[in-house]
Amino acid sequence: MLKHKIIGLDVGSRTVGIAISDLMGWTAQGLDTLQINEEENELGIDALIDIIQKEN
C-alpha cells in the first residue's frame, strides 16, 4: 500500500488530463480535464493546485 496517492498528468497542447491512483497504486481514475491556452498564459495551474490540495 502507498502512503500517498499518485497523480498523473496527460499534457497536451490544448488540455491537461488529470488522473489519480487508488491507495494501492493499482488503478487510476480520471478526475478532470483542464483547458489551457499558452497564448493567454492560462495554464490551469490554480485548478491543478486546488485538486492536489483536495486530494492530499
PDB file of N, CA and C in Angstrom:
ATOM      1  N   MET A   1       0.846  -1.185   0.000  1.00  0.00           N
ATOM      2  CA  MET A   1       0.000   0.000   0.000  1.00  0.00           C
ATOM      3  C   MET A   1       0.891   1.247   0.000  1.00  0.00           C
ATOM      4  N   LEU A   2       0.471   2.240  -0.756  1.00  0.00           N
ATOM      5  CA  LEU A   2       1.201   3.505  -0.832  1.00  0.00           C
ATOM      6  C   LEU A   2       0.847   4.406   0.346  1.00  0.00           C
ATOM      7  N   LYS A   3       1.748   5.302   0.692  1.00  0.00           N
ATOM      8  CA  LYS A   3       1.447   6.296   1.722  1.00  0.00           C
ATOM      9  C   LYS A   3       0.602   7.423   1.154  1.00  0.00           C
ATOM     10  N   HIS A   4       0.771   7.676  -0.148  1.00  0.00           N
ATOM     11  CA  HIS A   4       0.047   8.759  -0.804  1.00  0.00           C
ATOM     12  C   HIS A   4      -0.459   8.281  -2.157  1.00  0.00           C
ATOM     13  N   LYS A   5      -1.465   8.926  -2.644  1.00  0.00           N
ATOM     14  CA  LYS A   5      -1.943   8.655  -3.992  1.00  0.00           C
ATOM     15  C   LYS A   5      -0.965   9.263  -4.997  1.00  0.00           C
ATOM     16  N   ILE A   6      -0.989   8.735  -6.204  1.00  0.00           N
ATOM     17  CA  ILE A   6      -0.138   9.248  -7.279  1.00  0.00           C
ATOM     18  C   ILE A   6      -1.025   9.998  -8.261  1.00  0.00           C
ATOM     19  N   ILE A   7      -0.601  11.188  -8.652  1.00  0.00           N
ATOM     20  CA  ILE A   7      -1.345  11.966  -9.631  1.00  0.00           C
ATOM     21  C   ILE A   7      -0.646  11.829 -10.982  1.00  0.00           C
ATOM     22  N   GLY A   8      -1.441  11.660 -12.019  1.00  0.00           N
ATOM     23  CA  GLY A   8      -0.900  11.558 -13.370  1.00  0.00           C
ATOM     24  C   GLY A   8      -1.414  12.700 -14.221  1.00  0.00           C
ATOM     25  N   LEU A   9      -0.535  13.259 -15.030  1.00  0.00           N
ATOM     26  CA  LEU A   9      -0.898  14.362 -15.914  1.00  0.00           C
ATOM     27  C   LEU A   9      -0.660  13.938 -17.355  1.00  0.00           C
ATOM     28  N   ASP A  10      -1.652  14.153 -18.193  1.00  0.00           N
ATOM     29  CA  ASP A  10      -1.537  13.906 -19.629  1.00  0.00           C
ATOM     30  C   ASP A  10      -1.575  15.274 -20.300  1.00  0.00           C
ATOM     31  N   VAL A  11      -0.400  15.837 -20.530  1.00  0.00           N
ATOM     32  CA  VAL A  11      -0.288  17.216 -21.008  1.00  0.00           C
ATOM     33  C   VAL A  11      -0.332  17.236 -22.529  1.00  0.00           C
ATOM     34  N   GLY A  12      -1.301  17.949 -23.045  1.00  0.00           N
ATOM     35  CA  GLY A  12      -1.421  18.150 -24.479  1.00  0.00           C
ATOM     36  C   GLY A  12      -1.238  19.613 -24.822  1.00  0.00           C
ATOM     37  N   SER A  13      -1.480  19.956 -26.067  1.00  0.00           N
ATOM     38  CA  SER A  13      -1.297  21.348 -26.489  1.00  0.00           C
ATOM     39  C   SER A  13      -2.481  22.228 -26.108  1.00  0.00           C
ATOM     40  N   ARG A  14      -3.647  21.629 -25.850  1.00  0.00           N
ATOM     41  CA  ARG A  14      -4.837  22.421 -25.501  1.00  0.00           C
ATOM     42  C   ARG A  14      -5.476  22.031 -24.175  1.00  0.00           C
ATOM     43  N   THR A  15      -5.174  20.829 -23.704  1.00  0.00           N
ATOM     44  CA  THR A  15      -5.762  20.357 -22.451  1.00  0.00           C
ATOM     45  C   THR A  15      -4.724  19.597 -21.632  1.00  0.00           C
ATOM     46  N   VAL A  16      -5.036  19.462 -20.339  1.00  0.00           N
ATOM     47  CA  VAL A  16      -4.251  18.616 -19.440  1.00  0.00           C
ATOM     48  C   VAL A  16      -5.236  17.679 -18.755  1.00  0.00           C
ATOM     49  N   GLY A  17      -5.075  16.394 -18.997  1.00  0.00           N
ATOM     50  CA  GLY A  17      -5.898  15.397 -18.323  1.00  0.00           C
ATOM     51  C   GLY A  17      -5.274  15.057 -16.984  1.00  0.00           C
ATOM     52  N   ILE A  18      -6.116  14.926 -15.964  1.00  0.00           N
ATOM     53  CA  ILE A  18      -5.628  14.641 -14.617  1.00  0.00           C
ATOM     54  C   ILE A  18      -6.274  13.351 -14.127  1.00  0.00           C
ATOM     55  N   ALA A  19      -5.438  12.445 -13.627  1.00  0.00           N
ATOM     56  CA  ALA A  19      -5.916  11.194 -13.044  1.00  0.00           C
ATOM     57  C   ALA A  19      -5.216  10.993 -11.708  1.00  0.00           C
ATOM     58  N   ILE A  20      -5.838  10.171 -10.848  1.00  0.00           N
ATOM     59  CA  ILE A  20      -5.245   9.904  -9.538  1.00  0.00           C
ATOM     60  C   ILE A  20      -5.373   8.418  -9.233  1.00  0.00           C
ATOM     61  N   SER A  21      -4.358   7.884  -8.575  1.00  0.00           N
ATOM     62  CA  SER A  21      -4.344   6.458  -8.261  1.00  0.00           C
ATOM     63  C   SER A  21      -5.159   6.168  -7.007  1.00  0.00           C
ATOM     64  N   ASP A  22      -5.461   4.883  -6.836  1.00  0.00           N
ATOM     65  CA  ASP A  22      -6.003   4.446  -5.557  1.00  0.00           C
ATOM     66  C   ASP A  22      -4.827   4.302  -4.583  1.00  0.00           C
ATOM     67  N   LEU A  23      -5.114   4.028  -3.314  1.00  0.00           N
ATOM     68  CA  LEU A  23      -4.035   3.933  -2.321  1.00  0.00           C
ATOM     69  C   LEU A  23      -3.163   2.699  -2.511  1.00  0.00           C
ATOM     70  N   MET A  24      -3.655   1.712  -3.247  1.00  0.00           N
ATOM     71  CA  MET A  24      -2.846   0.536  -3.548  1.00  0.00           C
ATOM     72  C   MET A  24      -1.885   0.806  -4.705  1.00  0.00           C
ATOM     73  N   GLY A  25      -2.164   1.843  -5.485  1.00  0.00           N
ATOM     74  CA  GLY A  25      -1.328   2.155  -6.631  1.00  0.00           C
ATOM     75  C   GLY A  25      -1.582   1.259  -7.827  1.00  0.00           C
ATOM     76  N   TRP A  26      -2.720   0.564  -7.825  1.00  0.00           N
ATOM     77  CA  TRP A  26      -3.018  -0.393  -8.887  1.00  0.00           C
ATOM     78  C   TRP A  26      -3.829   0.211 -10.011  1.00  0.00           C
ATOM     79  N   THR A  27      -4.737   1.117  -9.683  1.00  0.00           N
ATOM     80  CA  THR A  27      -5.608   1.695 -10.707  1.00  0.00           C
ATOM     81  C   THR A  27      -5.585   3.215 -10.609  1.00  0.00           C
ATOM     82  N   ALA A  28      -6.009   3.834 -11.679  1.00  0.00           N
ATOM     83  CA  ALA A  28      -6.129   5.299 -11.689  1.00  0.00           C
ATOM     84  C   ALA A  28      -7.490   5.662 -12.256  1.00  0.00           C
ATOM     85  N   GLN A  29      -8.055   6.715 -11.738  1.00  0.00           N
ATOM     86  CA  GLN A  29      -9.337   7.219 -12.209  1.00  0.00           C
ATOM     87  C   GLN A  29      -9.142   8.639 -12.710  1.00  0.00           C
ATOM     88  N   GLY A  30      -9.777   8.936 -13.820  1.00  0.00           N
ATOM     89  CA  GLY A  30      -9.726  10.295 -14.341  1.00  0.00           C
ATOM     90  C   GLY A  30     -10.469  11.247 -13.423  1.00  0.00           C
ATOM     91  N   LEU A  31      -9.882  12.401 -13.161  1.00  0.00           N
ATOM     92  CA  LEU A  31     -10.506  13.397 -12.290  1.00  0.00           C
ATOM     93  C   LEU A  31     -11.072  14.571 -13.067  1.00  0.00           C
ATOM     94  N   ASP A  32     -10.272  15.103 -13.972  1.00  0.00           N
ATOM     95  CA  ASP A  32     -10.672  16.341 -14.637  1.00  0.00           C
ATOM     96  C   ASP A  32      -9.836  16.534 -15.893  1.00  0.00           C
ATOM     97  N   THR A  33     -10.318  17.391 -16.756  1.00  0.00           N
ATOM     98  CA  THR A  33      -9.561  17.837 -17.920  1.00  0.00           C
ATOM     99  C   THR A  33      -9.532  19.353 -17.880  1.00  0.00           C
ATOM    100  N   LEU A  34      -8.335  19.917 -17.811  1.00  0.00           N
ATOM    101  CA  LEU A  34      -8.173  21.366 -17.745  1.00  0.00           C
ATOM    102  C   LEU A  34      -7.887  21.915 -19.130  1.00  0.00           C
ATOM    103  N   GLN A  35      -8.536  22.999 -19.466  1.00  0.00           N
ATOM    104  CA  GLN A  35      -8.267  23.696 -20.722  1.00  0.00           C
ATOM    105  C   GLN A  35      -7.064  24.605 -20.518  1.00  0.00           C
ATOM    106  N   ILE A  36      -6.162  24.629 -21.482  1.00  0.00           N
ATOM    107  CA  ILE A  36      -5.021  25.535 -21.396  1.00  0.00           C
ATOM    108  C   ILE A  36      -4.946  26.386 -22.659  1.00  0.00           C
ATOM    109  N   ASN A  37      -4.392  27.577 -22.491  1.00  0.00           N
ATOM    110  CA  ASN A  37      -4.203  28.497 -23.609  1.00  0.00           C
ATOM    111  C   ASN A  37      -2.873  29.206 -23.376  1.00  0.00           C
ATOM    112  N   GLU A  38      -1.837  28.703 -24.023  1.00  0.00           N
ATOM    113  CA  GLU A  38      -0.495  29.261 -23.816  1.00  0.00           C
ATOM    114  C   GLU A  38      -0.401  30.717 -24.253  1.00  0.00           C
ATOM    115  N   GLU A  39      -1.109  31.084 -25.306  1.00  0.00           N
ATOM    116  CA  GLU A  39      -1.040  32.459 -25.808  1.00  0.00           C
ATOM    117  C   GLU A  39      -1.557  33.462 -24.789  1.00  0.00           C
ATOM    118  N   GLU A  40      -2.550  33.056 -23.995  1.00  0.00           N
ATOM    119  CA  GLU A  40      -3.126  33.947 -22.987  1.00  0.00           C
ATOM    120  C   GLU A  40      -2.610  33.617 -21.586  1.00  0.00           C
ATOM    121  N   ASN A  41      -1.602  32.738 -21.508  1.00  0.00           N
ATOM    122  CA  ASN A  41      -0.980  32.345 -20.246  1.00  0.00           C
ATOM    123  C   ASN A  41      -1.986  31.732 -19.270  1.00  0.00           C
ATOM    124  N   GLU A  42      -2.975  31.021 -19.802  1.00  0.00           N
ATOM    125  CA  GLU A  42      -3.947  30.298 -18.985  1.00  0.00           C
ATOM    126  C   GLU A  42      -3.536  28.833 -19.002  1.00  0.00           C
ATOM    127  N   LEU A  43      -2.834  28.419 -17.953  1.00  0.00           N
ATOM    128  CA  LEU A  43      -2.251  27.084 -17.940  1.00  0.00           C
ATOM    129  C   LEU A  43      -2.942  26.127 -16.977  1.00  0.00           C
ATOM    130  N   GLY A  44      -3.953  26.581 -16.264  1.00  0.00           N
ATOM    131  CA  GLY A  44      -4.692  25.706 -15.361  1.00  0.00           C
ATOM    132  C   GLY A  44      -3.966  25.378 -14.072  1.00  0.00           C
ATOM    133  N   ILE A  45      -2.932  26.128 -13.750  1.00  0.00           N
ATOM    134  CA  ILE A  45      -2.137  25.816 -12.559  1.00  0.00           C
ATOM    135  C   ILE A  45      -2.955  25.981 -11.282  1.00  0.00           C
ATOM    136  N   ASP A  46      -3.766  27.020 -11.201  1.00  0.00           N
ATOM    137  CA  ASP A  46      -4.588  27.225  -9.998  1.00  0.00           C
ATOM    138  C   ASP A  46      -5.555  26.062  -9.795  1.00  0.00           C
ATOM    139  N   ALA A  47      -6.171  25.596 -10.868  1.00  0.00           N
ATOM    140  CA  ALA A  47      -7.091  24.460 -10.767  1.00  0.00           C
ATOM    141  C   ALA A  47      -6.346  23.195 -10.352  1.00  0.00           C
ATOM    142  N   LEU A  48      -5.147  22.999 -10.874  1.00  0.00           N
ATOM    143  CA  LEU A  48      -4.341  21.839 -10.502  1.00  0.00           C
ATOM    144  C   LEU A  48      -3.958  21.894  -9.024  1.00  0.00           C
ATOM    145  N   ILE A  49      -3.577  23.059  -8.535  1.00  0.00           N
ATOM    146  CA  ILE A  49      -3.249  23.220  -7.110  1.00  0.00           C
ATOM    147  C   ILE A  49      -4.465  22.895  -6.252  1.00  0.00           C
ATOM    148  N   ASP A  50      -5.644  23.349  -6.652  1.00  0.00           N
ATOM    149  CA  ASP A  50      -6.873  23.043  -5.911  1.00  0.00           C
ATOM    150  C   ASP A  50      -7.113  21.533  -5.835  1.00  0.00           C
ATOM    151  N   ILE A  51      -6.913  20.836  -6.948  1.00  0.00           N
ATOM    152  CA  ILE A  51      -7.114  19.386  -6.972  1.00  0.00           C
ATOM    153  C   ILE A  51      -6.114  18.696  -6.052  1.00  0.00           C
ATOM    154  N   ILE A  52      -4.860  19.107  -6.103  1.00  0.00           N
ATOM    155  CA  ILE A  52      -3.833  18.500  -5.251  1.00  0.00           C
ATOM    156  C   ILE A  52      -4.167  18.710  -3.778  1.00  0.00           C
ATOM    157  N   GLN A  53      -4.574  19.912  -3.412  1.00  0.00           N
ATOM    158  CA  GLN A  53      -4.918  20.182  -2.010  1.00  0.00           C
ATOM    159  C   GLN A  53      -6.133  19.370  -1.577  1.00  0.00           C
ATOM    160  N   LYS A  54      -7.103  19.223  -2.453  1.00  0.00           N
ATOM    161  CA  LYS A  54      -8.310  18.458  -2.127  1.00  0.00           C
ATOM    162  C   LYS A  54      -7.992  16.977  -1.936  1.00  0.00           C
ATOM    163  N   GLU A  55      -7.128  16.432  -2.770  1.00  0.00           N
ATOM    164  CA  GLU A  55      -6.830  15.002  -2.744  1.00  0.00           C
ATOM    165  C   GLU A  55      -5.732  14.621  -1.762  1.00  0.00           C
ATOM    166  N   ASN A  56      -5.021  15.605  -1.235  1.00  0.00           N
ATOM    167  CA  ASN A  56      -3.887  15.323  -0.357  1.00  0.00           C
ATOM    168  C   ASN A  56      -4.326  14.978   1.043  1.00  0.00           C
TER     169      ASN A  56
END
